Amino acid sequence: MKLKQLEGLLGNLQQFSNPKVELEQYPTGPHIASRVLYTAENSFGDVGDRVVADFGCGCGTLGIAAALLGAEHVVGVDVDSQSLEIASANAEELEVELNLVQCDLGNLDFRGQIVDTVVMNPPFGTRKKGVDMEFLRVALAVASQAVYSLHKTSTREHVKRAALRDFNASSAEVLCELRYDVPHLYKFHKKKEVDIAVDLWRFVPRGA
């Protein structure tokens, strides 16, 4: 599947109708989502015929992209039941299989490296300090091949240090810097939209 075709399919997905600010729910747009998964597959072979987990899957955009690119099995994990209902409807609309689990990531009962690849757009940690690093810690504990994750560019050194020193990654590489378009979703937003610089990371777990 070509990149533009993937982006077009993702552009038709339903997104949050009533986003929850405490969960930092922001949609992962089709432009970024398509490039994350296309890069993971075409540059590294981390999607096709792989078991892929989408952590904090929200409306399922990253997980559905993985399924469209030929993942063998996709699991979406999110704490919010309303998001999972939208993700289920989106998967059904595009006729892909998405296995959904409602769970707080900190309580996830995955033992050992039971998925090949984790893809995620975790909360940036502006509401709950450190939640972005908790996502990364769990992802590196369960992935056997690679973790793809989006983090604010301003946190680059902190993310790299945590991944290599605290979470036992064997490598941590910024593949590219992207512009994350944050639309006006919440009352405290003053502007119609804001662009935030984000890094697309590829982490390799120790032993991969």
N, C-alpha and C. Protein backbone atom coordinates (compact mmCIF):
# COMPACT_ATOMS: atom_id res chain seq x y z
N MET A 1 0.84 -1.20 0.00
CA MET A 1 0.00 0.00 0.00
C MET A 1 0.88 1.25 0.00
N LYS A 2 0.54 2.19 -0.88
CA LYS A 2 1.31 3.43 -0.98
C LYS A 2 0.96 4.37 0.19
N LEU A 3 1.90 5.26 0.51
CA LEU A 3 1.73 6.17 1.64
C LEU A 3 0.48 7.02 1.50
N LYS A 4 0.26 7.60 0.33
CA LYS A 4 -0.90 8.48 0.12
C LYS A 4 -2.22 7.72 0.29
N GLN A 5 -2.24 6.46 -0.17
CA GLN A 5 -3.44 5.64 -0.01
C GLN A 5 -3.72 5.39 1.47
N LEU A 6 -2.66 5.07 2.22
CA LEU A 6 -2.80 4.84 3.65
C LEU A 6 -3.31 6.09 4.36
N GLU A 7 -2.71 7.23 4.03
CA GLU A 7 -3.13 8.50 4.66
C GLU A 7 -4.59 8.81 4.34
N GLY A 8 -5.01 8.53 3.11
CA GLY A 8 -6.39 8.78 2.71
C GLY A 8 -7.38 7.93 3.50
N LEU A 9 -7.06 6.66 3.70
CA LEU A 9 -7.94 5.77 4.46
C LEU A 9 -8.04 6.22 5.92
N LEU A 10 -6.91 6.61 6.50
CA LEU A 10 -6.91 7.05 7.90
C LEU A 10 -7.65 8.38 8.07
N GLY A 11 -7.67 9.17 7.02
CA GLY A 11 -8.35 10.47 7.09
C GLY A 11 -9.86 10.37 7.22
N ASN A 12 -10.41 9.18 6.94
CA ASN A 12 -11.86 8.98 7.03
C ASN A 12 -12.31 8.44 8.39
N LEU A 13 -11.37 8.21 9.30
CA LEU A 13 -11.73 7.60 10.58
C LEU A 13 -12.44 8.60 11.51
N GLN A 14 -13.36 8.08 12.31
CA GLN A 14 -13.98 8.90 13.36
C GLN A 14 -12.93 9.25 14.41
N GLN A 15 -13.07 10.44 15.00
CA GLN A 15 -12.18 10.84 16.10
C GLN A 15 -13.03 11.17 17.33
N PHE A 16 -12.36 11.58 18.40
CA PHE A 16 -13.05 11.84 19.67
C PHE A 16 -14.19 12.84 19.49
N SER A 17 -15.39 12.46 19.95
CA SER A 17 -16.51 13.39 19.92
C SER A 17 -16.56 14.23 21.19
N ASN A 18 -16.04 13.65 22.28
CA ASN A 18 -16.03 14.36 23.56
C ASN A 18 -14.71 14.05 24.28
N PRO A 19 -13.60 14.62 23.80
CA PRO A 19 -12.29 14.26 24.35
C PRO A 19 -12.15 14.62 25.83
N LYS A 20 -11.39 13.81 26.55
CA LYS A 20 -11.20 13.99 27.99
C LYS A 20 -9.84 14.63 28.23
N VAL A 21 -9.84 15.82 28.78
CA VAL A 21 -8.60 16.56 28.97
C VAL A 21 -7.68 15.86 29.96
N GLU A 22 -8.26 15.19 30.98
CA GLU A 22 -7.42 14.53 31.98
C GLU A 22 -6.63 13.36 31.39
N LEU A 23 -7.10 12.83 30.26
CA LEU A 23 -6.38 11.75 29.58
C LEU A 23 -5.52 12.29 28.43
N GLU A 24 -5.51 13.63 28.29
CA GLU A 24 -4.77 14.27 27.18
C GLU A 24 -5.15 13.64 25.85
N GLN A 25 -6.45 13.56 25.61
CA GLN A 25 -6.92 12.93 24.37
C GLN A 25 -6.85 13.93 23.22
N TYR A 26 -5.92 13.67 22.33
CA TYR A 26 -5.79 14.43 21.09
C TYR A 26 -5.71 13.43 19.95
N PRO A 27 -6.41 13.69 18.84
CA PRO A 27 -6.37 12.74 17.74
C PRO A 27 -4.99 12.67 17.09
N THR A 28 -4.58 11.46 16.73
CA THR A 28 -3.37 11.29 15.93
C THR A 28 -3.78 11.45 14.48
N GLY A 29 -3.41 12.55 13.87
CA GLY A 29 -3.87 12.86 12.52
C GLY A 29 -3.35 11.88 11.48
N PRO A 30 -4.04 11.78 10.35
CA PRO A 30 -3.65 10.81 9.32
C PRO A 30 -2.27 11.07 8.73
N HIS A 31 -1.84 12.32 8.68
CA HIS A 31 -0.52 12.64 8.12
C HIS A 31 0.59 12.00 8.96
N ILE A 32 0.52 12.23 10.27
CA ILE A 32 1.54 11.67 11.15
C ILE A 32 1.39 10.16 11.28
N ALA A 33 0.17 9.69 11.50
CA ALA A 33 -0.05 8.26 11.71
C ALA A 33 0.43 7.43 10.53
N SER A 34 0.12 7.87 9.32
CA SER A 34 0.52 7.12 8.14
C SER A 34 2.04 7.06 8.01
N ARG A 35 2.72 8.14 8.36
CA ARG A 35 4.18 8.17 8.24
C ARG A 35 4.87 7.32 9.31
N VAL A 36 4.29 7.30 10.50
CA VAL A 36 4.85 6.45 11.56
C VAL A 36 4.84 4.99 11.13
N LEU A 37 3.68 4.52 10.68
CA LEU A 37 3.56 3.10 10.35
C LEU A 37 4.23 2.76 9.03
N TYR A 38 4.17 3.67 8.07
CA TYR A 38 4.83 3.42 6.78
C TYR A 38 6.34 3.31 6.96
N THR A 39 6.89 4.17 7.80
CA THR A 39 8.33 4.11 8.10
C THR A 39 8.68 2.82 8.83
N ALA A 40 7.86 2.46 9.81
CA ALA A 40 8.11 1.24 10.58
C ALA A 40 8.15 0.01 9.67
N GLU A 41 7.27 -0.01 8.69
CA GLU A 41 7.21 -1.17 7.80
C GLU A 41 8.25 -1.11 6.69
N ASN A 42 8.31 0.01 5.99
CA ASN A 42 9.14 0.06 4.78
C ASN A 42 10.62 0.30 5.05
N SER A 43 10.95 0.87 6.19
CA SER A 43 12.37 1.07 6.52
C SER A 43 12.91 -0.04 7.41
N PHE A 44 12.03 -0.68 8.21
CA PHE A 44 12.53 -1.63 9.21
C PHE A 44 11.82 -2.99 9.22
N GLY A 45 10.73 -3.12 8.48
CA GLY A 45 10.02 -4.40 8.47
C GLY A 45 9.41 -4.78 9.81
N ASP A 46 8.95 -3.78 10.56
CA ASP A 46 8.46 -4.03 11.93
C ASP A 46 6.94 -4.16 12.02
N VAL A 47 6.23 -4.22 10.87
CA VAL A 47 4.77 -4.26 10.92
C VAL A 47 4.20 -5.50 10.22
N GLY A 48 4.53 -5.70 8.97
CA GLY A 48 3.98 -6.81 8.20
C GLY A 48 4.28 -8.15 8.83
N ASP A 49 3.23 -8.98 9.00
CA ASP A 49 3.36 -10.31 9.60
C ASP A 49 3.86 -10.26 11.05
N ARG A 50 3.70 -9.13 11.70
CA ARG A 50 4.14 -8.98 13.09
C ARG A 50 2.93 -8.86 14.01
N VAL A 51 3.16 -9.12 15.29
CA VAL A 51 2.16 -8.84 16.32
C VAL A 51 2.44 -7.42 16.83
N VAL A 52 1.48 -6.54 16.64
CA VAL A 52 1.66 -5.11 16.94
C VAL A 52 0.68 -4.69 18.03
N ALA A 53 1.16 -3.92 19.00
CA ALA A 53 0.30 -3.34 20.04
C ALA A 53 0.29 -1.83 19.88
N ASP A 54 -0.90 -1.25 20.01
CA ASP A 54 -1.09 0.20 19.98
C ASP A 54 -1.48 0.62 21.39
N PHE A 55 -0.53 1.23 22.12
CA PHE A 55 -0.77 1.63 23.51
C PHE A 55 -1.40 3.02 23.57
N GLY A 56 -2.46 3.15 24.40
CA GLY A 56 -3.20 4.41 24.43
C GLY A 56 -3.83 4.64 23.07
N CYS A 57 -4.50 3.60 22.56
CA CYS A 57 -4.88 3.56 21.14
C CYS A 57 -5.94 4.59 20.78
N GLY A 58 -6.67 5.13 21.78
CA GLY A 58 -7.68 6.12 21.45
C GLY A 58 -8.67 5.58 20.44
N CYS A 59 -8.81 6.28 19.33
CA CYS A 59 -9.77 5.89 18.29
C CYS A 59 -9.20 4.86 17.32
N GLY A 60 -8.00 4.36 17.61
CA GLY A 60 -7.47 3.22 16.87
C GLY A 60 -6.65 3.53 15.64
N THR A 61 -6.29 4.79 15.42
CA THR A 61 -5.66 5.17 14.15
C THR A 61 -4.36 4.41 13.88
N LEU A 62 -3.45 4.38 14.85
CA LEU A 62 -2.16 3.71 14.63
C LEU A 62 -2.34 2.21 14.45
N GLY A 63 -3.18 1.60 15.29
CA GLY A 63 -3.42 0.17 15.19
C GLY A 63 -4.05 -0.22 13.87
N ILE A 64 -5.01 0.58 13.41
CA ILE A 64 -5.66 0.31 12.12
C ILE A 64 -4.65 0.46 10.99
N ALA A 65 -3.78 1.45 11.08
CA ALA A 65 -2.73 1.61 10.07
C ALA A 65 -1.84 0.36 10.02
N ALA A 66 -1.51 -0.18 11.19
CA ALA A 66 -0.70 -1.40 11.24
C ALA A 66 -1.42 -2.56 10.56
N ALA A 67 -2.73 -2.68 10.83
CA ALA A 67 -3.51 -3.75 10.21
C ALA A 67 -3.56 -3.59 8.69
N LEU A 68 -3.72 -2.36 8.22
CA LEU A 68 -3.76 -2.10 6.78
C LEU A 68 -2.44 -2.43 6.11
N LEU A 69 -1.35 -2.34 6.86
CA LEU A 69 -0.02 -2.65 6.31
C LEU A 69 0.38 -4.11 6.53
N GLY A 70 -0.58 -4.94 6.93
CA GLY A 70 -0.33 -6.37 6.92
C GLY A 70 0.12 -6.99 8.22
N ALA A 71 -0.10 -6.29 9.35
CA ALA A 71 0.25 -6.89 10.64
C ALA A 71 -0.53 -8.19 10.83
N GLU A 72 0.10 -9.16 11.42
CA GLU A 72 -0.56 -10.45 11.65
C GLU A 72 -1.66 -10.33 12.69
N HIS A 73 -1.40 -9.53 13.71
CA HIS A 73 -2.32 -9.42 14.85
C HIS A 73 -2.11 -8.04 15.46
N VAL A 74 -3.19 -7.32 15.75
CA VAL A 74 -3.07 -5.98 16.34
C VAL A 74 -3.91 -5.91 17.61
N VAL A 75 -3.28 -5.44 18.69
CA VAL A 75 -3.97 -5.24 19.96
C VAL A 75 -3.95 -3.75 20.30
N GLY A 76 -5.13 -3.19 20.56
CA GLY A 76 -5.21 -1.80 20.99
C GLY A 76 -5.57 -1.75 22.47
N VAL A 77 -4.81 -0.96 23.23
CA VAL A 77 -5.03 -0.87 24.68
C VAL A 77 -5.34 0.58 25.04
N ASP A 78 -6.44 0.78 25.77
CA ASP A 78 -6.78 2.13 26.22
C ASP A 78 -7.62 2.02 27.49
N VAL A 79 -7.53 3.03 28.33
CA VAL A 79 -8.27 3.03 29.59
C VAL A 79 -9.71 3.50 29.40
N ASP A 80 -10.00 4.16 28.27
CA ASP A 80 -11.27 4.84 28.06
C ASP A 80 -12.21 4.02 27.17
N SER A 81 -13.35 3.63 27.74
CA SER A 81 -14.29 2.76 27.01
C SER A 81 -14.90 3.46 25.79
N GLN A 82 -15.15 4.77 25.88
CA GLN A 82 -15.74 5.48 24.75
C GLN A 82 -14.79 5.50 23.55
N SER A 83 -13.51 5.68 23.82
CA SER A 83 -12.52 5.65 22.75
C SER A 83 -12.49 4.29 22.08
N LEU A 84 -12.55 3.25 22.88
CA LEU A 84 -12.50 1.89 22.33
C LEU A 84 -13.73 1.59 21.48
N GLU A 85 -14.87 2.16 21.83
CA GLU A 85 -16.07 1.99 21.00
C GLU A 85 -15.85 2.63 19.62
N ILE A 86 -15.24 3.80 19.60
CA ILE A 86 -14.95 4.46 18.32
C ILE A 86 -13.91 3.64 17.53
N ALA A 87 -12.89 3.15 18.23
CA ALA A 87 -11.86 2.34 17.56
C ALA A 87 -12.48 1.09 16.93
N SER A 88 -13.41 0.47 17.64
CA SER A 88 -14.08 -0.72 17.13
C SER A 88 -14.88 -0.40 15.87
N ALA A 89 -15.61 0.72 15.90
CA ALA A 89 -16.39 1.15 14.74
C ALA A 89 -15.49 1.48 13.56
N ASN A 90 -14.35 2.13 13.83
CA ASN A 90 -13.40 2.46 12.76
C ASN A 90 -12.83 1.20 12.11
N ALA A 91 -12.46 0.22 12.93
CA ALA A 91 -11.91 -1.03 12.40
C ALA A 91 -12.95 -1.76 11.55
N GLU A 92 -14.19 -1.73 12.03
CA GLU A 92 -15.27 -2.40 11.28
C GLU A 92 -15.50 -1.71 9.94
N GLU A 93 -15.43 -0.39 9.95
CA GLU A 93 -15.64 0.38 8.72
C GLU A 93 -14.61 0.04 7.66
N LEU A 94 -13.36 -0.16 8.08
CA LEU A 94 -12.29 -0.46 7.13
C LEU A 94 -12.04 -1.97 6.98
N GLU A 95 -12.88 -2.74 7.65
CA GLU A 95 -12.83 -4.21 7.54
C GLU A 95 -11.46 -4.77 7.91
N VAL A 96 -10.93 -4.29 9.04
CA VAL A 96 -9.70 -4.85 9.59
C VAL A 96 -9.98 -5.36 10.99
N GLU A 97 -9.16 -6.28 11.45
CA GLU A 97 -9.35 -6.86 12.78
C GLU A 97 -8.48 -6.13 13.79
N LEU A 98 -9.12 -5.66 14.85
CA LEU A 98 -8.43 -4.94 15.92
C LEU A 98 -8.91 -5.53 17.23
N ASN A 99 -8.02 -6.12 17.99
CA ASN A 99 -8.38 -6.68 19.29
C ASN A 99 -8.18 -5.59 20.34
N LEU A 100 -9.24 -5.27 21.07
CA LEU A 100 -9.21 -4.12 21.97
C LEU A 100 -9.28 -4.54 23.43
N VAL A 101 -8.45 -3.91 24.25
CA VAL A 101 -8.37 -4.21 25.68
C VAL A 101 -8.55 -2.91 26.46
N GLN A 102 -9.53 -2.88 27.37
CA GLN A 102 -9.69 -1.71 28.23
C GLN A 102 -8.88 -1.93 29.50
N CYS A 103 -7.86 -1.10 29.69
CA CYS A 103 -6.96 -1.29 30.82
C CYS A 103 -6.09 -0.06 31.00
N ASP A 104 -5.83 0.30 32.25
CA ASP A 104 -4.80 1.28 32.55
C ASP A 104 -3.45 0.63 32.27
N LEU A 105 -2.61 1.31 31.53
CA LEU A 105 -1.36 0.69 31.10
C LEU A 105 -0.52 0.20 32.27
N GLY A 106 -0.59 0.90 33.39
CA GLY A 106 0.18 0.50 34.56
C GLY A 106 -0.27 -0.83 35.15
N ASN A 107 -1.51 -1.23 34.83
CA ASN A 107 -2.04 -2.50 35.33
C ASN A 107 -2.06 -3.59 34.26
N LEU A 108 -1.43 -3.32 33.15
CA LEU A 108 -1.46 -4.27 32.04
C LEU A 108 -0.75 -5.57 32.43
N ASP A 109 -1.46 -6.66 32.27
CA ASP A 109 -0.93 -7.94 32.72
C ASP A 109 -0.25 -8.69 31.56
N PHE A 110 0.63 -8.00 30.85
CA PHE A 110 1.44 -8.65 29.82
C PHE A 110 2.74 -9.08 30.47
N ARG A 111 3.13 -10.30 30.30
CA ARG A 111 4.36 -10.79 30.94
C ARG A 111 5.39 -11.15 29.89
N GLY A 112 6.52 -10.46 29.94
CA GLY A 112 7.59 -10.75 28.99
C GLY A 112 7.33 -10.10 27.64
N GLN A 113 8.21 -10.38 26.71
CA GLN A 113 8.15 -9.75 25.38
C GLN A 113 7.15 -10.52 24.52
N ILE A 114 5.87 -10.19 24.65
CA ILE A 114 4.83 -10.98 23.99
C ILE A 114 4.30 -10.35 22.71
N VAL A 115 4.75 -9.14 22.37
CA VAL A 115 4.43 -8.57 21.06
C VAL A 115 5.74 -8.25 20.35
N ASP A 116 5.66 -8.13 19.04
CA ASP A 116 6.86 -7.78 18.28
C ASP A 116 7.14 -6.28 18.36
N THR A 117 6.10 -5.50 18.08
CA THR A 117 6.26 -4.06 17.92
C THR A 117 5.18 -3.31 18.68
N VAL A 118 5.57 -2.23 19.36
CA VAL A 118 4.59 -1.32 19.98
C VAL A 118 4.63 0.00 19.22
N VAL A 119 3.45 0.51 18.87
CA VAL A 119 3.34 1.85 18.29
C VAL A 119 2.47 2.67 19.23
N MET A 120 2.81 3.93 19.43
CA MET A 120 2.00 4.72 20.37
C MET A 120 2.24 6.22 20.21
N ASN A 121 1.19 6.94 20.54
CA ASN A 121 1.25 8.38 20.68
C ASN A 121 0.81 8.67 22.11
N PRO A 122 1.73 8.52 23.07
CA PRO A 122 1.34 8.61 24.49
C PRO A 122 1.00 10.03 24.89
N PRO A 123 0.30 10.20 26.02
CA PRO A 123 0.11 11.55 26.57
C PRO A 123 1.49 12.20 26.77
N PHE A 124 1.56 13.50 26.54
CA PHE A 124 2.84 14.19 26.65
C PHE A 124 3.26 14.45 28.09
N GLY A 125 2.34 14.22 29.03
CA GLY A 125 2.69 14.41 30.43
C GLY A 125 2.44 15.81 30.94
N THR A 126 1.64 16.59 30.22
CA THR A 126 1.36 17.95 30.68
C THR A 126 0.31 17.97 31.79
N ARG A 127 -0.57 16.98 31.82
CA ARG A 127 -1.59 16.88 32.87
C ARG A 127 -1.14 15.98 34.02
N LYS A 128 -0.53 14.87 33.66
CA LYS A 128 -0.04 13.93 34.67
C LYS A 128 1.45 13.71 34.43
N LYS A 129 2.24 14.33 35.24
CA LYS A 129 3.68 14.31 35.05
C LYS A 129 4.22 12.88 35.04
N GLY A 130 5.04 12.58 34.04
CA GLY A 130 5.70 11.28 33.97
C GLY A 130 4.92 10.19 33.27
N VAL A 131 3.68 10.47 32.84
CA VAL A 131 2.88 9.42 32.21
C VAL A 131 3.49 8.99 30.87
N ASP A 132 4.14 9.91 30.17
CA ASP A 132 4.79 9.56 28.90
C ASP A 132 5.91 8.54 29.12
N MET A 133 6.65 8.68 30.22
CA MET A 133 7.73 7.74 30.52
C MET A 133 7.20 6.40 31.00
N GLU A 134 6.04 6.42 31.64
CA GLU A 134 5.41 5.16 32.06
C GLU A 134 4.99 4.35 30.83
N PHE A 135 4.44 5.01 29.84
CA PHE A 135 4.10 4.34 28.58
C PHE A 135 5.34 3.71 27.97
N LEU A 136 6.43 4.47 27.95
CA LEU A 136 7.66 3.98 27.33
C LEU A 136 8.23 2.80 28.12
N ARG A 137 8.17 2.89 29.42
CA ARG A 137 8.69 1.79 30.25
C ARG A 137 7.97 0.48 29.95
N VAL A 138 6.63 0.55 29.93
CA VAL A 138 5.85 -0.66 29.68
C VAL A 138 6.08 -1.17 28.26
N ALA A 139 6.13 -0.26 27.30
CA ALA A 139 6.33 -0.66 25.90
C ALA A 139 7.64 -1.41 25.72
N LEU A 140 8.70 -0.91 26.34
CA LEU A 140 10.01 -1.56 26.20
C LEU A 140 10.08 -2.89 26.95
N ALA A 141 9.17 -3.08 27.90
CA ALA A 141 9.14 -4.35 28.64
C ALA A 141 8.43 -5.46 27.87
N VAL A 142 7.51 -5.08 26.95
CA VAL A 142 6.71 -6.11 26.27
C VAL A 142 7.05 -6.30 24.80
N ALA A 143 7.80 -5.38 24.20
CA ALA A 143 8.13 -5.50 22.77
C ALA A 143 9.43 -6.28 22.59
N SER A 144 9.44 -7.16 21.61
CA SER A 144 10.66 -7.93 21.33
C SER A 144 11.48 -7.33 20.19
N GLN A 145 10.83 -6.51 19.33
CA GLN A 145 11.53 -5.98 18.14
C GLN A 145 11.80 -4.48 18.23
N ALA A 146 10.74 -3.71 18.44
CA ALA A 146 10.90 -2.25 18.38
C ALA A 146 9.71 -1.55 19.01
N VAL A 147 9.95 -0.31 19.43
CA VAL A 147 8.90 0.58 19.93
C VAL A 147 8.98 1.88 19.13
N TYR A 148 7.85 2.29 18.56
CA TYR A 148 7.75 3.57 17.86
C TYR A 148 6.87 4.48 18.69
N SER A 149 7.37 5.68 19.00
CA SER A 149 6.63 6.55 19.90
C SER A 149 6.87 8.01 19.56
N LEU A 150 5.87 8.84 19.82
CA LEU A 150 5.96 10.28 19.59
C LEU A 150 6.13 11.01 20.91
N HIS A 151 7.14 11.87 20.98
CA HIS A 151 7.39 12.66 22.20
C HIS A 151 7.76 14.08 21.80
N LYS A 152 7.44 15.03 22.66
CA LYS A 152 7.77 16.43 22.36
C LYS A 152 9.28 16.57 22.16
N THR A 153 9.63 17.31 21.13
CA THR A 153 11.05 17.52 20.82
C THR A 153 11.78 18.15 22.00
N SER A 154 11.09 18.96 22.76
CA SER A 154 11.72 19.64 23.90
C SER A 154 12.17 18.66 24.98
N THR A 155 11.67 17.43 24.95
CA THR A 155 12.03 16.43 25.97
C THR A 155 13.05 15.42 25.43
N ARG A 156 13.67 15.71 24.31
CA ARG A 156 14.50 14.71 23.61
C ARG A 156 15.59 14.11 24.49
N GLU A 157 16.35 14.93 25.17
CA GLU A 157 17.45 14.39 25.97
C GLU A 157 16.94 13.55 27.14
N HIS A 158 15.87 14.00 27.75
CA HIS A 158 15.27 13.26 28.86
C HIS A 158 14.77 11.89 28.40
N VAL A 159 14.10 11.86 27.26
CA VAL A 159 13.56 10.60 26.72
C VAL A 159 14.70 9.63 26.41
N LYS A 160 15.74 10.12 25.78
CA LYS A 160 16.86 9.25 25.41
C LYS A 160 17.55 8.68 26.65
N ARG A 161 17.77 9.54 27.63
CA ARG A 161 18.44 9.10 28.86
C ARG A 161 17.60 8.04 29.59
N ALA A 162 16.29 8.28 29.69
CA ALA A 162 15.41 7.33 30.37
C ALA A 162 15.37 5.99 29.65
N ALA A 163 15.27 6.03 28.33
CA ALA A 163 15.17 4.79 27.55
C ALA A 163 16.42 3.93 27.71
N LEU A 164 17.58 4.56 27.61
CA LEU A 164 18.84 3.79 27.62
C LEU A 164 19.27 3.42 29.04
N ARG A 165 19.07 4.32 29.98
CA ARG A 165 19.58 4.10 31.33
C ARG A 165 18.57 3.37 32.23
N ASP A 166 17.31 3.79 32.15
CA ASP A 166 16.31 3.29 33.10
C ASP A 166 15.47 2.14 32.55
N PHE A 167 15.24 2.13 31.23
CA PHE A 167 14.31 1.15 30.66
C PHE A 167 15.01 0.10 29.81
N ASN A 168 16.34 0.11 29.85
CA ASN A 168 17.12 -0.98 29.27
C ASN A 168 16.99 -1.11 27.75
N ALA A 169 16.73 -0.02 27.04
CA ALA A 169 16.74 -0.08 25.58
C ALA A 169 18.17 -0.22 25.09
N SER A 170 18.35 -0.96 24.01
CA SER A 170 19.70 -1.09 23.45
C SER A 170 20.01 0.06 22.50
N SER A 171 18.97 0.69 21.93
CA SER A 171 19.19 1.88 21.12
C SER A 171 17.95 2.76 21.15
N ALA A 172 18.17 4.06 20.97
CA ALA A 172 17.09 5.04 20.95
C ALA A 172 17.43 6.07 19.88
N GLU A 173 16.63 6.09 18.82
CA GLU A 173 16.96 6.93 17.67
C GLU A 173 15.76 7.79 17.27
N VAL A 174 16.00 9.09 17.07
CA VAL A 174 14.98 9.97 16.51
C VAL A 174 15.01 9.81 14.99
N LEU A 175 13.93 9.29 14.43
CA LEU A 175 13.88 9.08 12.98
C LEU A 175 13.59 10.36 12.23
N CYS A 176 12.75 11.21 12.82
CA CYS A 176 12.45 12.50 12.18
C CYS A 176 11.73 13.40 13.18
N GLU A 177 11.72 14.69 12.88
CA GLU A 177 10.96 15.65 13.67
C GLU A 177 9.72 16.03 12.88
N LEU A 178 8.57 15.97 13.52
CA LEU A 178 7.30 16.23 12.86
C LEU A 178 6.60 17.42 13.53
N ARG A 179 5.63 17.97 12.83
CA ARG A 179 4.80 19.04 13.39
C ARG A 179 3.46 18.44 13.75
N TYR A 180 3.15 18.42 15.05
CA TYR A 180 1.91 17.84 15.53
C TYR A 180 0.88 18.94 15.65
N ASP A 181 -0.17 18.84 14.85
CA ASP A 181 -1.21 19.86 14.83
C ASP A 181 -2.22 19.60 15.94
N VAL A 182 -2.22 20.45 16.95
CA VAL A 182 -3.18 20.32 18.05
C VAL A 182 -4.35 21.27 17.78
N PRO A 183 -5.54 20.73 17.46
CA PRO A 183 -6.68 21.59 17.17
C PRO A 183 -7.28 22.18 18.45
N HIS A 184 -8.16 23.14 18.28
CA HIS A 184 -8.85 23.74 19.43
C HIS A 184 -9.91 22.76 19.92
N LEU A 185 -9.59 22.01 20.99
CA LEU A 185 -10.49 20.98 21.50
C LEU A 185 -11.07 21.32 22.86
N TYR A 186 -10.31 22.05 23.68
CA TYR A 186 -10.71 22.27 25.07
C TYR A 186 -10.91 23.75 25.34
N LYS A 187 -11.66 24.06 26.38
CA LYS A 187 -12.00 25.45 26.69
C LYS A 187 -10.77 26.32 26.97
N PHE A 188 -9.73 25.69 27.55
CA PHE A 188 -8.56 26.49 27.90
C PHE A 188 -7.67 26.81 26.69
N HIS A 189 -7.97 26.20 25.55
CA HIS A 189 -7.21 26.51 24.33
C HIS A 189 -7.57 27.92 23.84
N LYS A 190 -6.56 28.74 23.68
CA LYS A 190 -6.79 30.13 23.26
C LYS A 190 -6.76 30.27 21.73
N LYS A 191 -6.00 29.42 21.06
CA LYS A 191 -5.83 29.55 19.61
C LYS A 191 -6.63 28.47 18.89
N LYS A 192 -6.92 28.74 17.61
CA LYS A 192 -7.67 27.79 16.80
C LYS A 192 -6.92 26.48 16.66
N GLU A 193 -5.61 26.56 16.47
CA GLU A 193 -4.77 25.36 16.44
C GLU A 193 -3.34 25.75 16.75
N VAL A 194 -2.56 24.78 17.22
CA VAL A 194 -1.16 25.01 17.57
C VAL A 194 -0.32 23.87 17.00
N ASP A 195 0.81 24.23 16.44
CA ASP A 195 1.76 23.21 15.97
C ASP A 195 2.79 22.96 17.07
N ILE A 196 2.97 21.70 17.43
CA ILE A 196 3.99 21.32 18.42
C ILE A 196 5.04 20.46 17.73
N ALA A 197 6.30 20.74 17.99
CA ALA A 197 7.38 19.92 17.43
C ALA A 197 7.46 18.61 18.20
N VAL A 198 7.35 17.51 17.48
CA VAL A 198 7.44 16.19 18.11
C VAL A 198 8.47 15.34 17.38
N ASP A 199 9.09 14.45 18.14
CA ASP A 199 10.05 13.50 17.57
C ASP A 199 9.38 12.15 17.37
N LEU A 200 9.66 11.54 16.24
CA LEU A 200 9.29 10.14 16.04
C LEU A 200 10.51 9.29 16.42
N TRP A 201 10.35 8.53 17.50
CA TRP A 201 11.44 7.70 18.02
C TRP A 201 11.27 6.25 17.59
N ARG A 202 12.40 5.59 17.40
CA ARG A 202 12.43 4.12 17.30
C ARG A 202 13.37 3.61 18.39
N PHE A 203 12.81 2.85 19.31
CA PHE A 203 13.57 2.25 20.39
C PHE A 203 13.70 0.74 20.13
N VAL A 204 14.85 0.20 20.41
CA VAL A 204 15.07 -1.25 20.28
C VAL A 204 15.29 -1.82 21.67
N PRO A 205 14.46 -2.79 22.08
CA PRO A 205 14.64 -3.39 23.41
C PRO A 205 15.94 -4.18 23.48
N ARG A 206 16.49 -4.27 24.65
CA ARG A 206 17.69 -5.07 24.87
C ARG A 206 17.41 -6.53 24.49
N GLY A 207 18.28 -7.11 23.72
CA GLY A 207 18.13 -8.50 23.32
C GLY A 207 17.43 -8.70 22.00
N ALA A 208 16.92 -7.60 21.40
CA ALA A 208 16.22 -7.73 20.12
C ALA A 208 17.20 -8.05 19.01
